[in-house]
Protein backbone atom coordinates (compact mmCIF):
# COMPACT_ATOMS: atom_id res chain seq x y z
CA MET A 1 120.50 160.92 21.08
CA SER A 2 120.71 164.11 23.10
CA LEU A 3 122.79 167.11 22.02
CA GLY A 4 122.89 168.43 25.57
CA PHE A 5 120.69 169.36 28.46
CA ALA A 6 118.50 172.37 29.22
CA ALA A 7 116.97 173.48 32.50
CA VAL A 8 114.06 175.91 32.40
CA ASN A 9 112.95 177.75 35.50
CA TYR A 10 109.50 179.33 35.13
CA ILE A 11 109.47 182.21 37.62
CA THR A 12 106.21 184.03 38.23
CA CYS A 13 106.64 187.45 39.85
CA LYS A 14 104.17 189.71 41.55
CA GLU A 15 103.77 192.94 39.60
CA ASP A 16 105.55 195.04 42.22
CA TYR A 17 108.51 192.61 42.28
CA LYS A 18 109.31 192.51 38.55
CA GLU A 19 111.77 195.40 38.66
CA ARG A 20 113.62 193.84 41.61
CA PHE A 21 113.69 190.44 39.89
CA GLU A 22 115.18 191.93 36.74
CA GLU A 23 117.77 193.80 38.81
CA LEU A 24 118.80 190.54 40.49
CA PHE A 25 119.62 189.00 37.12
CA THR A 26 121.20 192.02 35.48
CA SER A 27 123.54 192.42 38.46
CA ARG A 28 124.43 188.75 38.81
CA LYS A 29 128.03 187.79 39.52
CA GLY A 30 128.22 185.21 36.73
CA ALA A 31 129.31 182.25 38.86
CA ILE A 32 127.33 179.88 36.64
CA ASP A 33 129.50 180.91 33.70
CA LYS A 34 132.52 179.23 35.30
CA MET A 35 130.81 175.90 36.02
CA PRO A 36 132.00 172.78 34.17
CA GLY A 37 129.63 171.85 31.35
CA PHE A 38 127.82 175.20 31.31
CA ARG A 39 127.10 176.44 27.78
CA ASN A 40 124.82 179.46 27.95
CA MET A 41 121.87 181.04 29.71
CA HIS A 42 118.96 183.19 28.62
CA VAL A 43 116.63 185.19 30.86
CA LEU A 44 113.38 185.69 28.94
CA LYS A 45 111.08 188.53 29.92
CA PRO A 46 107.32 188.26 29.22
CA GLN A 47 106.13 190.69 26.56
CA THR A 48 102.43 190.87 27.33
CA ASP A 49 100.74 192.55 30.28
CA ASP A 50 98.78 189.40 31.16
CA ASN A 51 101.96 187.34 31.63
CA SER A 52 104.11 187.60 34.74
CA THR A 53 106.23 184.49 34.14
CA TYR A 54 109.89 184.84 33.26
CA LEU A 55 111.84 181.92 31.80
CA ILE A 56 115.40 181.26 32.87
CA VAL A 57 116.89 178.80 30.38
CA SER A 58 120.33 177.34 31.03
CA TYR A 59 122.14 175.01 28.64
CA TRP A 60 124.55 172.31 29.75
CA ASP A 61 126.64 169.50 28.32
CA ASP A 62 124.66 167.05 30.43
CA GLU A 63 122.38 166.70 33.44
CA SER A 64 125.19 165.86 35.84
CA ASN A 65 126.84 169.25 35.15
CA PHE A 66 123.57 170.99 35.95
CA LYS A 67 123.11 169.01 39.18
CA GLU A 68 126.65 169.90 40.25
CA TRP A 69 125.73 173.58 39.78
CA THR A 70 122.56 173.30 41.88
CA GLN A 71 124.52 171.68 44.71
CA SER A 72 127.43 174.13 44.64
CA GLU A 73 128.31 176.97 47.01
CA ALA A 74 128.26 179.25 43.95
CA PHE A 75 124.58 178.37 43.37
CA ILE A 76 123.68 179.19 46.96
CA GLU A 77 125.58 182.46 46.83
CA GLY A 78 124.15 183.36 43.42
CA HIS A 79 120.58 182.90 44.60
CA LYS A 80 121.04 184.35 48.07
CA ARG A 81 119.39 187.73 47.41
CA GLY A 82 116.26 186.20 45.89
CA PHE A 83 116.02 183.59 48.65
CA GLU A 84 116.30 186.40 51.23
CA ASP A 85 113.37 188.22 49.59
CA ILE A 86 111.23 185.09 49.80
CA THR A 87 112.24 184.42 53.42
CA LYS A 88 111.46 188.00 54.40
CA ALA A 89 107.97 187.76 52.90
CA ARG A 90 107.28 184.50 54.73
CA GLU A 91 108.49 185.98 58.01
CA GLN A 92 106.06 188.87 57.49
CA GLY A 93 103.26 186.39 56.83
CA ILE A 94 102.72 187.51 53.24
CA GLU A 95 102.82 185.66 49.96
CA PRO A 96 106.33 185.40 48.48
CA PRO A 97 107.04 187.91 45.69
CA MET A 98 107.88 185.11 43.24
CA THR A 99 107.31 181.42 42.71
CA SER A 100 109.36 178.94 40.74
CA ASP A 101 108.55 175.85 38.68
CA PHE A 102 111.53 173.94 37.30
CA LYS A 103 111.55 171.59 34.31
CA THR A 104 114.43 169.88 32.52
CA TYR A 105 114.84 168.83 28.90
CA ALA A 106 117.14 166.88 26.60
CA ILE A 107 118.23 168.95 23.59
CA LEU A 108 117.26 167.18 20.37
CA THR A 109 118.33 169.77 17.75
CA ASN A 110 120.56 172.79 17.43
């Protein structure tokens, strides 16, 4: 039996993009906080020099609540600045400043 749902986004940033990435999250508008079924979110910063992957962990009542978030206008607006950075890099023919790998999990314990 699941006690909820967690989505983990593994975001790897180029060294010169880390400050910008952190600014994007610390200045977020908080739209996710108002979504039905949303419980909490943690942005985890790597603590070793050889690690450039941040973890964004969001907790939900269930998977359907999370999917509603990812399909919402609030999601698009909330990610707009980061998406613009990636688009700009691609238009310039350079590697994007960050990459993302998403995984989802059922919560087994509190």
